[in-house]
Amino acid sequence: MAASTAPRSFLAGDSARIRQPRWRTKSSTSAATTADGATAGVADARCATARTSPIGRRGVVYGREDVAHGFGAQAADVDECPDQPQALKVGVVGATGGTGAAVVGQALERGWSVTALVRNGRAGVDPAAGVITGDVRDAGTVGTALAGVDAVVCCLGVRIGQPAGTVRSEGTANLARQMHTHGVARIVAVSTVGVGSSVADQSRTARLLWPRLAGRDRLAEADRAEAEIRDPAHGLAWTLVRPPRLTDAPVSGHVAVGPSVRTGLRSQLSRADLAAVLLDQLTDDRYRGMAVTALNP
């Protein structure tokens, strides 16, 4: 059955028990092998429970609901075991920007460990996060930042007032190559509306004016970065999140997310809500291999 394309509306206070996402091939828990060949630590991790987040529902119960969304799992696949928190180690690229800083902070609040890749020192990065300083286009730097991580959240972008350049696409290309080399599969990346399939969901006015407002060179650079992440040669388990205009408003707890969400020139999303949506994807495979739009309705 084809995956549902209806946008999801996230409300605060809702949480769901989740199964280990399929992209995660290793456990952060040290464990012994049991008589039947199963690894105890991995089995424990598979019955992790999502913590409550500002945008509440961070996972779905895999099994019956998987079938409804086209994943093909059977109801018997749902693990029955005691609830326990799921601890991920997340690499955050572009951690000093507004969205990246929010991602780092919220990941730490969820009890996850964070390695932040930054260009110049740790200014603006939560002191509880580990920091790797260097150029995202450098293979050695990125390889060091990927050591031991379970997944990556990529927040590379172009600051307002700066030329688009090619750092975003070149850095994303290097990141994708290094993830493939180091065996890290899962990536959730920020893109933008006005790229790819999202153009069809823009209002007529937005389709005409957004390229001028956002900058055609910036949209082209975002499109190149998306192509690197989607490239099958890298073998990544990817999700692309395309927000409209970003704001510095606090977490609202109300976000529409989906592969076909209507946007206009006034559409917006707070960076805090965007950060929560990005992190939610790490415990929910629903939009794996898809590009989705997210906005505050």
C-alpha atoms as a PDB file:
ATOM      1  CA  MET A   1       0.000   0.000   0.000  1.00  0.00           C
ATOM      2  CA  ALA A   2       1.337   3.426  -0.872  1.00  0.00           C
ATOM      3  CA  ALA A   3       2.501   5.691   1.906  1.00  0.00           C
ATOM      4  CA  SER A   4       0.067   8.323   3.128  1.00  0.00           C
ATOM      5  CA  THR A   5       0.790  11.822   1.851  1.00  0.00           C
ATOM      6  CA  ALA A   6      -1.480  13.731   4.211  1.00  0.00           C
ATOM      7  CA  PRO A   7       0.351  16.243   6.383  1.00  0.00           C
ATOM      8  CA  ARG A   8       0.677  15.340  10.046  1.00  0.00           C
ATOM      9  CA  SER A   9      -0.290  17.801  12.736  1.00  0.00           C
ATOM     10  CA  PHE A  10       1.872  17.487  15.842  1.00  0.00           C
ATOM     11  CA  LEU A  11       0.409  18.475  19.196  1.00  0.00           C
ATOM     12  CA  ALA A  12       2.276  18.894  22.458  1.00  0.00           C
ATOM     13  CA  GLY A  13       1.968  16.233  25.136  1.00  0.00           C
ATOM     14  CA  ASP A  14       1.488  13.183  22.915  1.00  0.00           C
ATOM     15  CA  SER A  15       4.154  10.489  22.972  1.00  0.00           C
ATOM     16  CA  ALA A  16       4.271   6.988  21.554  1.00  0.00           C
ATOM     17  CA  ARG A  17       6.172   3.839  22.258  1.00  0.00           C
ATOM     18  CA  ILE A  18       8.493   3.078  19.384  1.00  0.00           C
ATOM     19  CA  ARG A  19      10.513   0.276  17.949  1.00  0.00           C
ATOM     20  CA  GLN A  20      14.160   0.670  16.962  1.00  0.00           C
ATOM     21  CA  PRO A  21      14.236   2.481  13.578  1.00  0.00           C
ATOM     22  CA  ARG A  22      15.438   0.258  10.733  1.00  0.00           C
ATOM     23  CA  TRP A  23      18.308   2.559   9.781  1.00  0.00           C
ATOM     24  CA  ARG A  24      20.053   2.052  13.096  1.00  0.00           C
ATOM     25  CA  THR A  25      22.390  -0.895  12.619  1.00  0.00           C
ATOM     26  CA  LYS A  26      24.344  -0.593  15.831  1.00  0.00           C
ATOM     27  CA  SER A  27      23.522  -0.100  19.472  1.00  0.00           C
ATOM     28  CA  SER A  28      25.022   2.491  21.757  1.00  0.00           C
ATOM     29  CA  THR A  29      24.589  -0.076  24.537  1.00  0.00           C
ATOM     30  CA  SER A  30      27.298  -2.620  25.260  1.00  0.00           C
ATOM     31  CA  ALA A  31      25.724  -6.087  25.482  1.00  0.00           C
ATOM     32  CA  ALA A  32      26.373  -9.807  25.599  1.00  0.00           C
ATOM     33  CA  THR A  33      25.037 -12.276  23.027  1.00  0.00           C
ATOM     34  CA  THR A  34      22.285 -14.590  24.262  1.00  0.00           C
ATOM     35  CA  ALA A  35      21.868 -18.283  23.512  1.00  0.00           C
ATOM     36  CA  ASP A  36      19.535 -17.654  20.578  1.00  0.00           C
ATOM     37  CA  GLY A  37      22.044 -15.277  18.976  1.00  0.00           C
ATOM     38  CA  ALA A  38      20.237 -12.054  19.888  1.00  0.00           C
ATOM     39  CA  THR A  39      22.178  -9.212  21.423  1.00  0.00           C
ATOM     40  CA  ALA A  40      20.645  -8.185  24.725  1.00  0.00           C
ATOM     41  CA  GLY A  41      21.607  -4.533  24.468  1.00  0.00           C
ATOM     42  CA  VAL A  42      20.170  -4.206  20.973  1.00  0.00           C
ATOM     43  CA  ALA A  43      16.943  -5.887  22.059  1.00  0.00           C
ATOM     44  CA  ASP A  44      16.679  -3.467  24.955  1.00  0.00           C
ATOM     45  CA  ALA A  45      17.259  -0.504  22.649  1.00  0.00           C
ATOM     46  CA  ARG A  46      14.527  -1.707  20.293  1.00  0.00           C
ATOM     47  CA  CYS A  47      11.852  -1.236  22.927  1.00  0.00           C
ATOM     48  CA  ALA A  48      12.894   2.307  23.758  1.00  0.00           C
ATOM     49  CA  THR A  49      10.255   4.854  24.664  1.00  0.00           C
ATOM     50  CA  ALA A  50      10.273   8.319  23.171  1.00  0.00           C
ATOM     51  CA  ARG A  51      10.622  11.144  25.640  1.00  0.00           C
ATOM     52  CA  THR A  52       8.003  13.859  25.531  1.00  0.00           C
ATOM     53  CA  SER A  53       9.116  16.674  23.243  1.00  0.00           C
ATOM     54  CA  PRO A  54       7.750  20.167  22.607  1.00  0.00           C
ATOM     55  CA  ILE A  55       6.205  18.739  19.448  1.00  0.00           C
ATOM     56  CA  GLY A  56       4.858  15.709  21.162  1.00  0.00           C
ATOM     57  CA  ARG A  57       4.551  12.683  18.924  1.00  0.00           C
ATOM     58  CA  ARG A  58       8.097  11.547  18.236  1.00  0.00           C
ATOM     59  CA  GLY A  59       7.397   8.022  17.090  1.00  0.00           C
ATOM     60  CA  VAL A  60       4.751   5.569  15.934  1.00  0.00           C
ATOM     61  CA  VAL A  61       4.141   2.030  17.096  1.00  0.00           C
ATOM     62  CA  TYR A  62       5.689   0.015  14.298  1.00  0.00           C
ATOM     63  CA  GLY A  63       3.851  -3.040  13.049  1.00  0.00           C
ATOM     64  CA  ARG A  64       0.195  -2.497  12.206  1.00  0.00           C
ATOM     65  CA  GLU A  65       0.753   1.215  11.619  1.00  0.00           C
ATOM     66  CA  ASP A  66       3.754   0.395   9.421  1.00  0.00           C
ATOM     67  CA  VAL A  67       1.473  -1.468   7.033  1.00  0.00           C
ATOM     68  CA  ALA A  68      -0.791   1.560   6.780  1.00  0.00           C
ATOM     69  CA  HIS A  69       2.161   3.726   5.793  1.00  0.00           C
ATOM     70  CA  GLY A  70       3.709   1.296   3.329  1.00  0.00           C
ATOM     71  CA  PHE A  71       6.603  -0.066   5.392  1.00  0.00           C
ATOM     72  CA  GLY A  72       5.298  -3.639   5.217  1.00  0.00           C
ATOM     73  CA  ALA A  73       6.120  -4.730   8.771  1.00  0.00           C
ATOM     74  CA  GLN A  74       3.905  -7.276  10.497  1.00  0.00           C
ATOM     75  CA  ALA A  75       2.107  -6.733  13.784  1.00  0.00           C
ATOM     76  CA  ALA A  76       4.226  -9.465  15.342  1.00  0.00           C
ATOM     77  CA  ASP A  77       7.307  -7.326  14.768  1.00  0.00           C
ATOM     78  CA  VAL A  78       6.334  -4.953  17.584  1.00  0.00           C
ATOM     79  CA  ASP A  79       8.603  -5.616  20.537  1.00  0.00           C
ATOM     80  CA  GLU A  80       6.973  -6.273  23.882  1.00  0.00           C
ATOM     81  CA  CYS A  81       9.383  -5.215  26.589  1.00  0.00           C
ATOM     82  CA  PRO A  82       9.597  -2.689  29.414  1.00  0.00           C
ATOM     83  CA  ASP A  83       9.717   0.984  28.557  1.00  0.00           C
ATOM     84  CA  GLN A  84      13.087   2.684  28.748  1.00  0.00           C
ATOM     85  CA  PRO A  85      14.534   5.877  27.251  1.00  0.00           C
ATOM     86  CA  GLN A  86      16.243   5.671  23.884  1.00  0.00           C
ATOM     87  CA  ALA A  87      19.663   7.289  23.897  1.00  0.00           C
ATOM     88  CA  LEU A  88      21.106   8.330  20.559  1.00  0.00           C
ATOM     89  CA  LYS A  89      24.419   9.925  19.723  1.00  0.00           C
ATOM     90  CA  VAL A  90      23.730  12.617  17.146  1.00  0.00           C
ATOM     91  CA  GLY A  91      26.131  14.529  14.944  1.00  0.00           C
ATOM     92  CA  VAL A  92      24.968  18.066  14.159  1.00  0.00           C
ATOM     93  CA  VAL A  93      26.499  19.844  11.165  1.00  0.00           C
ATOM     94  CA  GLY A  94      26.043  23.601  11.048  1.00  0.00           C
ATOM     95  CA  ALA A  95      25.555  23.751  14.798  1.00  0.00           C
ATOM     96  CA  THR A  96      26.207  27.468  15.326  1.00  0.00           C
ATOM     97  CA  GLY A  97      23.345  28.747  13.176  1.00  0.00           C
ATOM     98  CA  GLY A  98      19.938  29.457  14.665  1.00  0.00           C
ATOM     99  CA  THR A  99      18.469  26.100  13.672  1.00  0.00           C
ATOM    100  CA  GLY A 100      21.617  24.136  14.475  1.00  0.00           C
ATOM    101  CA  ALA A 101      21.883  25.623  17.959  1.00  0.00           C
ATOM    102  CA  ALA A 102      18.232  24.744  18.601  1.00  0.00           C
ATOM    103  CA  VAL A 103      18.844  21.181  17.416  1.00  0.00           C
ATOM    104  CA  VAL A 104      21.809  20.785  19.760  1.00  0.00           C
ATOM    105  CA  GLY A 105      19.897  22.142  22.738  1.00  0.00           C
ATOM    106  CA  GLN A 106      16.789  20.060  22.156  1.00  0.00           C
ATOM    107  CA  ALA A 107      18.770  16.876  21.509  1.00  0.00           C
ATOM    108  CA  LEU A 108      20.514  17.328  24.848  1.00  0.00           C
ATOM    109  CA  GLU A 109      17.145  17.936  26.519  1.00  0.00           C
ATOM    110  CA  ARG A 110      15.999  14.578  25.167  1.00  0.00           C
ATOM    111  CA  GLY A 111      18.902  12.923  26.923  1.00  0.00           C
ATOM    112  CA  TRP A 112      20.878  12.288  23.747  1.00  0.00           C
ATOM    113  CA  SER A 113      24.582  12.955  23.337  1.00  0.00           C
ATOM    114  CA  VAL A 114      25.691  15.424  20.683  1.00  0.00           C
ATOM    115  CA  THR A 115      28.810  16.027  18.622  1.00  0.00           C
ATOM    116  CA  ALA A 116      28.667  19.424  16.923  1.00  0.00           C
ATOM    117  CA  LEU A 117      30.741  20.204  13.836  1.00  0.00           C
ATOM    118  CA  VAL A 118      31.475  23.929  13.742  1.00  0.00           C
ATOM    119  CA  ARG A 119      33.697  26.147  11.639  1.00  0.00           C
ATOM    120  CA  ASN A 120      35.125  28.473  14.298  1.00  0.00           C
ATOM    121  CA  GLY A 121      35.323  27.366  17.923  1.00  0.00           C
ATOM    122  CA  ARG A 122      32.436  26.488  20.186  1.00  0.00           C
ATOM    123  CA  ALA A 123      30.929  29.945  20.631  1.00  0.00           C
ATOM    124  CA  GLY A 124      27.162  29.604  20.746  1.00  0.00           C
ATOM    125  CA  VAL A 125      27.232  25.822  21.184  1.00  0.00           C
ATOM    126  CA  ASP A 126      25.745  24.311  24.335  1.00  0.00           C
ATOM    127  CA  PRO A 127      28.653  23.456  26.668  1.00  0.00           C
ATOM    128  CA  ALA A 128      27.239  19.964  27.203  1.00  0.00           C
ATOM    129  CA  ALA A 129      27.876  19.079  23.549  1.00  0.00           C
ATOM    130  CA  GLY A 130      31.114  17.760  22.151  1.00  0.00           C
ATOM    131  CA  VAL A 131      32.642  20.027  19.520  1.00  0.00           C
ATOM    132  CA  ILE A 132      34.757  19.307  16.448  1.00  0.00           C
ATOM    133  CA  THR A 133      36.144  22.431  14.782  1.00  0.00           C
ATOM    134  CA  GLY A 134      36.915  22.432  11.079  1.00  0.00           C
ATOM    135  CA  ASP A 135      35.705  22.736   7.505  1.00  0.00           C
ATOM    136  CA  VAL A 136      32.749  20.564   6.503  1.00  0.00           C
ATOM    137  CA  ARG A 137      34.451  20.119   3.132  1.00  0.00           C
ATOM    138  CA  ASP A 138      37.470  18.427   4.756  1.00  0.00           C
ATOM    139  CA  ALA A 139      37.261  14.632   4.788  1.00  0.00           C
ATOM    140  CA  GLY A 140      39.351  14.165   7.931  1.00  0.00           C
ATOM    141  CA  THR A 141      37.377  16.698   9.945  1.00  0.00           C
ATOM    142  CA  VAL A 142      34.027  15.184   9.029  1.00  0.00           C
ATOM    143  CA  GLY A 143      35.310  11.665   9.628  1.00  0.00           C
ATOM    144  CA  THR A 144      36.362  12.654  13.146  1.00  0.00           C
ATOM    145  CA  ALA A 145      32.965  14.231  13.815  1.00  0.00           C
ATOM    146  CA  LEU A 146      31.192  11.040  12.713  1.00  0.00           C
ATOM    147  CA  ALA A 147      33.047   8.788  15.140  1.00  0.00           C
ATOM    148  CA  GLY A 148      30.504   6.814  17.147  1.00  0.00           C
ATOM    149  CA  VAL A 149      27.405   8.726  16.025  1.00  0.00           C
ATOM    150  CA  ASP A 150      24.133   6.969  15.239  1.00  0.00           C
ATOM    151  CA  ALA A 151      22.688   9.668  12.985  1.00  0.00           C
ATOM    152  CA  VAL A 152      23.351  13.119  11.558  1.00  0.00           C
ATOM    153  CA  VAL A 153      21.245  16.268  11.477  1.00  0.00           C
ATOM    154  CA  CYS A 154      22.543  18.613   8.775  1.00  0.00           C
ATOM    155  CA  CYS A 155      21.682  22.294   9.208  1.00  0.00           C
ATOM    156  CA  LEU A 156      24.022  23.730   6.590  1.00  0.00           C
ATOM    157  CA  GLY A 157      22.716  26.875   4.972  1.00  0.00           C
ATOM    158  CA  VAL A 158      23.648  30.326   3.758  1.00  0.00           C
ATOM    159  CA  ARG A 159      23.392  33.278   6.115  1.00  0.00           C
ATOM    160  CA  ILE A 160      21.213  36.167   5.025  1.00  0.00           C
ATOM    161  CA  GLY A 161      23.219  38.817   3.226  1.00  0.00           C
ATOM    162  CA  GLN A 162      25.966  36.429   2.161  1.00  0.00           C
ATOM    163  CA  PRO A 163      26.430  35.072  -1.368  1.00  0.00           C
ATOM    164  CA  ALA A 164      25.156  31.539  -1.911  1.00  0.00           C
ATOM    165  CA  GLY A 165      28.574  30.165  -2.815  1.00  0.00           C
ATOM    166  CA  THR A 166      29.064  26.393  -2.925  1.00  0.00           C
ATOM    167  CA  VAL A 167      29.915  25.526   0.689  1.00  0.00           C
ATOM    168  CA  ARG A 168      26.472  24.052   1.276  1.00  0.00           C
ATOM    169  CA  SER A 169      26.539  21.663  -1.674  1.00  0.00           C
ATOM    170  CA  GLU A 170      30.244  20.822  -1.432  1.00  0.00           C
ATOM    171  CA  GLY A 171      30.014  20.316   2.319  1.00  0.00           C
ATOM    172  CA  THR A 172      26.940  18.133   1.938  1.00  0.00           C
ATOM    173  CA  ALA A 173      28.660  16.068  -0.749  1.00  0.00           C
ATOM    174  CA  ASN A 174      31.654  15.482   1.513  1.00  0.00           C
ATOM    175  CA  LEU A 175      29.387  14.676   4.459  1.00  0.00           C
ATOM    176  CA  ALA A 176      27.479  12.100   2.400  1.00  0.00           C
ATOM    177  CA  ARG A 177      30.710  10.452   1.232  1.00  0.00           C
ATOM    178  CA  GLN A 178      32.125  10.290   4.736  1.00  0.00           C
ATOM    179  CA  MET A 179      28.888   8.892   6.153  1.00  0.00           C
ATOM    180  CA  HIS A 180      29.075   6.128   3.563  1.00  0.00           C
ATOM    181  CA  THR A 181      32.727   5.474   4.387  1.00  0.00           C
ATOM    182  CA  HIS A 182      32.156   5.390   8.151  1.00  0.00           C
ATOM    183  CA  GLY A 183      28.955   3.367   8.057  1.00  0.00           C
ATOM    184  CA  VAL A 184      26.580   6.055   9.338  1.00  0.00           C
ATOM    185  CA  ALA A 185      23.335   5.766   7.382  1.00  0.00           C
ATOM    186  CA  ARG A 186      20.684   8.031   8.888  1.00  0.00           C
ATOM    187  CA  ILE A 187      20.618  11.723   7.985  1.00  0.00           C
ATOM    188  CA  VAL A 188      17.944  14.378   8.386  1.00  0.00           C
ATOM    189  CA  ALA A 189      18.744  17.603   6.557  1.00  0.00           C
ATOM    190  CA  VAL A 190      17.284  21.086   6.321  1.00  0.00           C
ATOM    191  CA  SER A 191      16.428  22.296   2.830  1.00  0.00           C
ATOM    192  CA  THR A 192      13.869  24.932   1.809  1.00  0.00           C
ATOM    193  CA  VAL A 193      10.526  25.322   0.095  1.00  0.00           C
ATOM    194  CA  GLY A 194      10.860  26.328  -3.522  1.00  0.00           C
ATOM    195  CA  VAL A 195      13.025  23.300  -4.271  1.00  0.00           C
ATOM    196  CA  GLY A 196      11.959  20.074  -5.965  1.00  0.00           C
ATOM    197  CA  SER A 197       8.401  18.862  -5.493  1.00  0.00           C
ATOM    198  CA  SER A 198       7.584  21.646  -3.009  1.00  0.00           C
ATOM    199  CA  VAL A 199       7.239  24.116  -5.895  1.00  0.00           C
ATOM    200  CA  ALA A 200       3.997  22.441  -6.965  1.00  0.00           C
ATOM    201  CA  ASP A 201       2.529  23.101  -3.502  1.00  0.00           C
ATOM    202  CA  GLN A 202       3.340  26.812  -3.479  1.00  0.00           C
ATOM    203  CA  SER A 203       0.631  29.347  -4.159  1.00  0.00           C
ATOM    204  CA  ARG A 204       0.791  31.051  -7.529  1.00  0.00           C
ATOM    205  CA  THR A 205       2.101  34.230  -5.911  1.00  0.00           C
ATOM    206  CA  ALA A 206       4.758  32.311  -3.990  1.00  0.00           C
ATOM    207  CA  ARG A 207       5.921  30.507  -7.119  1.00  0.00           C
ATOM    208  CA  LEU A 208       6.386  33.859  -8.826  1.00  0.00           C
ATOM    209  CA  LEU A 209       7.984  35.813  -5.978  1.00  0.00           C
ATOM    210  CA  TRP A 210       9.736  33.292  -3.720  1.00  0.00           C
ATOM    211  CA  PRO A 211      12.729  32.763  -6.045  1.00  0.00           C
ATOM    212  CA  ARG A 212      13.315  36.517  -5.985  1.00  0.00           C
ATOM    213  CA  LEU A 213      12.944  36.781  -2.205  1.00  0.00           C
ATOM    214  CA  ALA A 214      14.933  33.670  -1.318  1.00  0.00           C
ATOM    215  CA  GLY A 215      17.447  34.124  -4.128  1.00  0.00           C
ATOM    216  CA  ARG A 216      17.616  31.887  -7.165  1.00  0.00           C
ATOM    217  CA  ASP A 217      21.263  31.119  -6.461  1.00  0.00           C
ATOM    218  CA  ARG A 218      20.382  29.995  -2.917  1.00  0.00           C
ATOM    219  CA  LEU A 219      17.591  27.764  -4.187  1.00  0.00           C
ATOM    220  CA  ALA A 220      19.926  26.248  -6.775  1.00  0.00           C
ATOM    221  CA  GLU A 221      22.515  25.589  -4.075  1.00  0.00           C
ATOM    222  CA  ALA A 222      19.887  23.935  -1.860  1.00  0.00           C
ATOM    223  CA  ASP A 223      18.807  21.796  -4.805  1.00  0.00           C
ATOM    224  CA  ARG A 224      22.390  20.630  -5.373  1.00  0.00           C
ATOM    225  CA  ALA A 225      22.741  19.757  -1.687  1.00  0.00           C
ATOM    226  CA  GLU A 226      19.519  17.736  -1.803  1.00  0.00           C
ATOM    227  CA  ALA A 227      20.796  15.809  -4.819  1.00  0.00           C
ATOM    228  CA  GLU A 228      23.941  14.802  -2.925  1.00  0.00           C
ATOM    229  CA  ILE A 229      21.924  13.417  -0.029  1.00  0.00           C
ATOM    230  CA  ARG A 230      19.548  11.508  -2.306  1.00  0.00           C
ATOM    231  CA  ASP A 231      22.353  10.037  -4.434  1.00  0.00           C
ATOM    232  CA  PRO A 232      21.917   6.229  -4.201  1.00  0.00           C
ATOM    233  CA  ALA A 233      25.681   5.775  -4.385  1.00  0.00           C
ATOM    234  CA  HIS A 234      25.945   7.077  -0.815  1.00  0.00           C
ATOM    235  CA  GLY A 235      23.400   4.582   0.506  1.00  0.00           C
ATOM    236  CA  LEU A 236      21.914   7.003   3.038  1.00  0.00           C
ATOM    237  CA  ALA A 237      18.634   6.653   4.916  1.00  0.00           C
ATOM    238  CA  TRP A 238      17.599  10.254   4.393  1.00  0.00           C
ATOM    239  CA  THR A 239      14.804  12.665   5.174  1.00  0.00           C
ATOM    240  CA  LEU A 240      14.750  16.213   3.812  1.00  0.00           C
ATOM    241  CA  VAL A 241      12.761  18.870   5.666  1.00  0.00           C
ATOM    242  CA  ARG A 242      11.784  21.954   3.663  1.00  0.00           C
ATOM    243  CA  PRO A 243      10.674  24.899   5.791  1.00  0.00           C
ATOM    244  CA  PRO A 244       9.390  28.247   4.484  1.00  0.00           C
ATOM    245  CA  ARG A 245      10.535  31.524   6.061  1.00  0.00           C
ATOM    246  CA  LEU A 246      12.132  30.877   9.462  1.00  0.00           C
ATOM    247  CA  THR A 247      11.447  32.904  12.600  1.00  0.00           C
ATOM    248  CA  ASP A 248      12.906  33.096  16.090  1.00  0.00           C
ATOM    249  CA  ALA A 249       9.553  32.473  17.791  1.00  0.00           C
ATOM    250  CA  PRO A 250       9.520  29.927  20.640  1.00  0.00           C
ATOM    251  CA  VAL A 251       8.265  26.380  20.293  1.00  0.00           C
ATOM    252  CA  SER A 252       4.560  26.423  19.432  1.00  0.00           C
ATOM    253  CA  GLY A 253       3.838  22.714  19.576  1.00  0.00           C
ATOM    254  CA  HIS A 254       1.782  22.977  16.364  1.00  0.00           C
ATOM    255  CA  VAL A 255       3.425  22.029  13.070  1.00  0.00           C
ATOM    256  CA  ALA A 256       2.017  20.663   9.817  1.00  0.00           C
ATOM    257  CA  VAL A 257       4.437  18.166   8.259  1.00  0.00           C
ATOM    258  CA  GLY A 258       4.076  16.170   5.072  1.00  0.00           C
ATOM    259  CA  PRO A 259       5.270  15.623   1.507  1.00  0.00           C
ATOM    260  CA  SER A 260       2.480  17.830   0.130  1.00  0.00           C
ATOM    261  CA  VAL A 261       1.794  20.882   2.307  1.00  0.00           C
ATOM    262  CA  ARG A 262       0.468  24.077   0.746  1.00  0.00           C
ATOM    263  CA  THR A 263       2.690  27.139   1.276  1.00  0.00           C
ATOM    264  CA  GLY A 264       2.394  30.829   0.482  1.00  0.00           C
ATOM    265  CA  LEU A 265       4.507  33.933   0.877  1.00  0.00           C
ATOM    266  CA  ARG A 266       3.321  34.356   4.477  1.00  0.00           C
ATOM    267  CA  SER A 267       4.069  30.770   5.495  1.00  0.00           C
ATOM    268  CA  GLN A 268       6.606  30.459   8.271  1.00  0.00           C
ATOM    269  CA  LEU A 269       8.111  28.086  10.823  1.00  0.00           C
ATOM    270  CA  SER A 270       9.990  28.850  14.004  1.00  0.00           C
ATOM    271  CA  ARG A 271      13.519  27.505  14.224  1.00  0.00           C
ATOM    272  CA  ALA A 272      12.598  25.909  17.545  1.00  0.00           C
ATOM    273  CA  ASP A 273       9.736  23.986  15.936  1.00  0.00           C
ATOM    274  CA  LEU A 274      11.953  23.071  12.984  1.00  0.00           C
ATOM    275  CA  ALA A 275      14.573  21.657  15.350  1.00  0.00           C
ATOM    276  CA  ALA A 276      11.946  19.483  17.026  1.00  0.00           C
ATOM    277  CA  VAL A 277      10.697  18.194  13.674  1.00  0.00           C
ATOM    278  CA  LEU A 278      14.246  17.335  12.583  1.00  0.00           C
ATOM    279  CA  LEU A 279      14.933  15.383  15.759  1.00  0.00           C
ATOM    280  CA  ASP A 280      11.553  13.647  15.627  1.00  0.00           C
ATOM    281  CA  GLN A 281      12.587  11.989  12.361  1.00  0.00           C
ATOM    282  CA  LEU A 282      15.365  10.101  14.145  1.00  0.00           C
ATOM    283  CA  THR A 283      12.802   8.016  16.035  1.00  0.00           C
ATOM    284  CA  ASP A 284      10.212   7.753  13.270  1.00  0.00           C
ATOM    285  CA  ASP A 285      10.844   6.129   9.873  1.00  0.00           C
ATOM    286  CA  ARG A 286       7.609   7.410   8.351  1.00  0.00           C
ATOM    287  CA  TYR A 287       9.331   9.947   6.106  1.00  0.00           C
ATOM    288  CA  ARG A 288      12.491   8.003   5.416  1.00  0.00           C
ATOM    289  CA  GLY A 289      13.485   8.488   1.779  1.00  0.00           C
ATOM    290  CA  MET A 290      11.128  11.462   1.433  1.00  0.00           C
ATOM    291  CA  ALA A 291      11.252  15.246   1.281  1.00  0.00           C
ATOM    292  CA  VAL A 292       8.629  16.936   3.453  1.00  0.00           C
ATOM    293  CA  THR A 293       7.478  20.485   4.059  1.00  0.00           C
ATOM    294  CA  ALA A 294       7.009  21.733   7.631  1.00  0.00           C
ATOM    295  CA  LEU A 295       5.272  24.933   8.708  1.00  0.00           C
ATOM    296  CA  ASN A 296       3.335  26.517  11.540  1.00  0.00           C
ATOM    297  CA  PRO A 297      -0.327  26.339  10.449  1.00  0.00           C
END
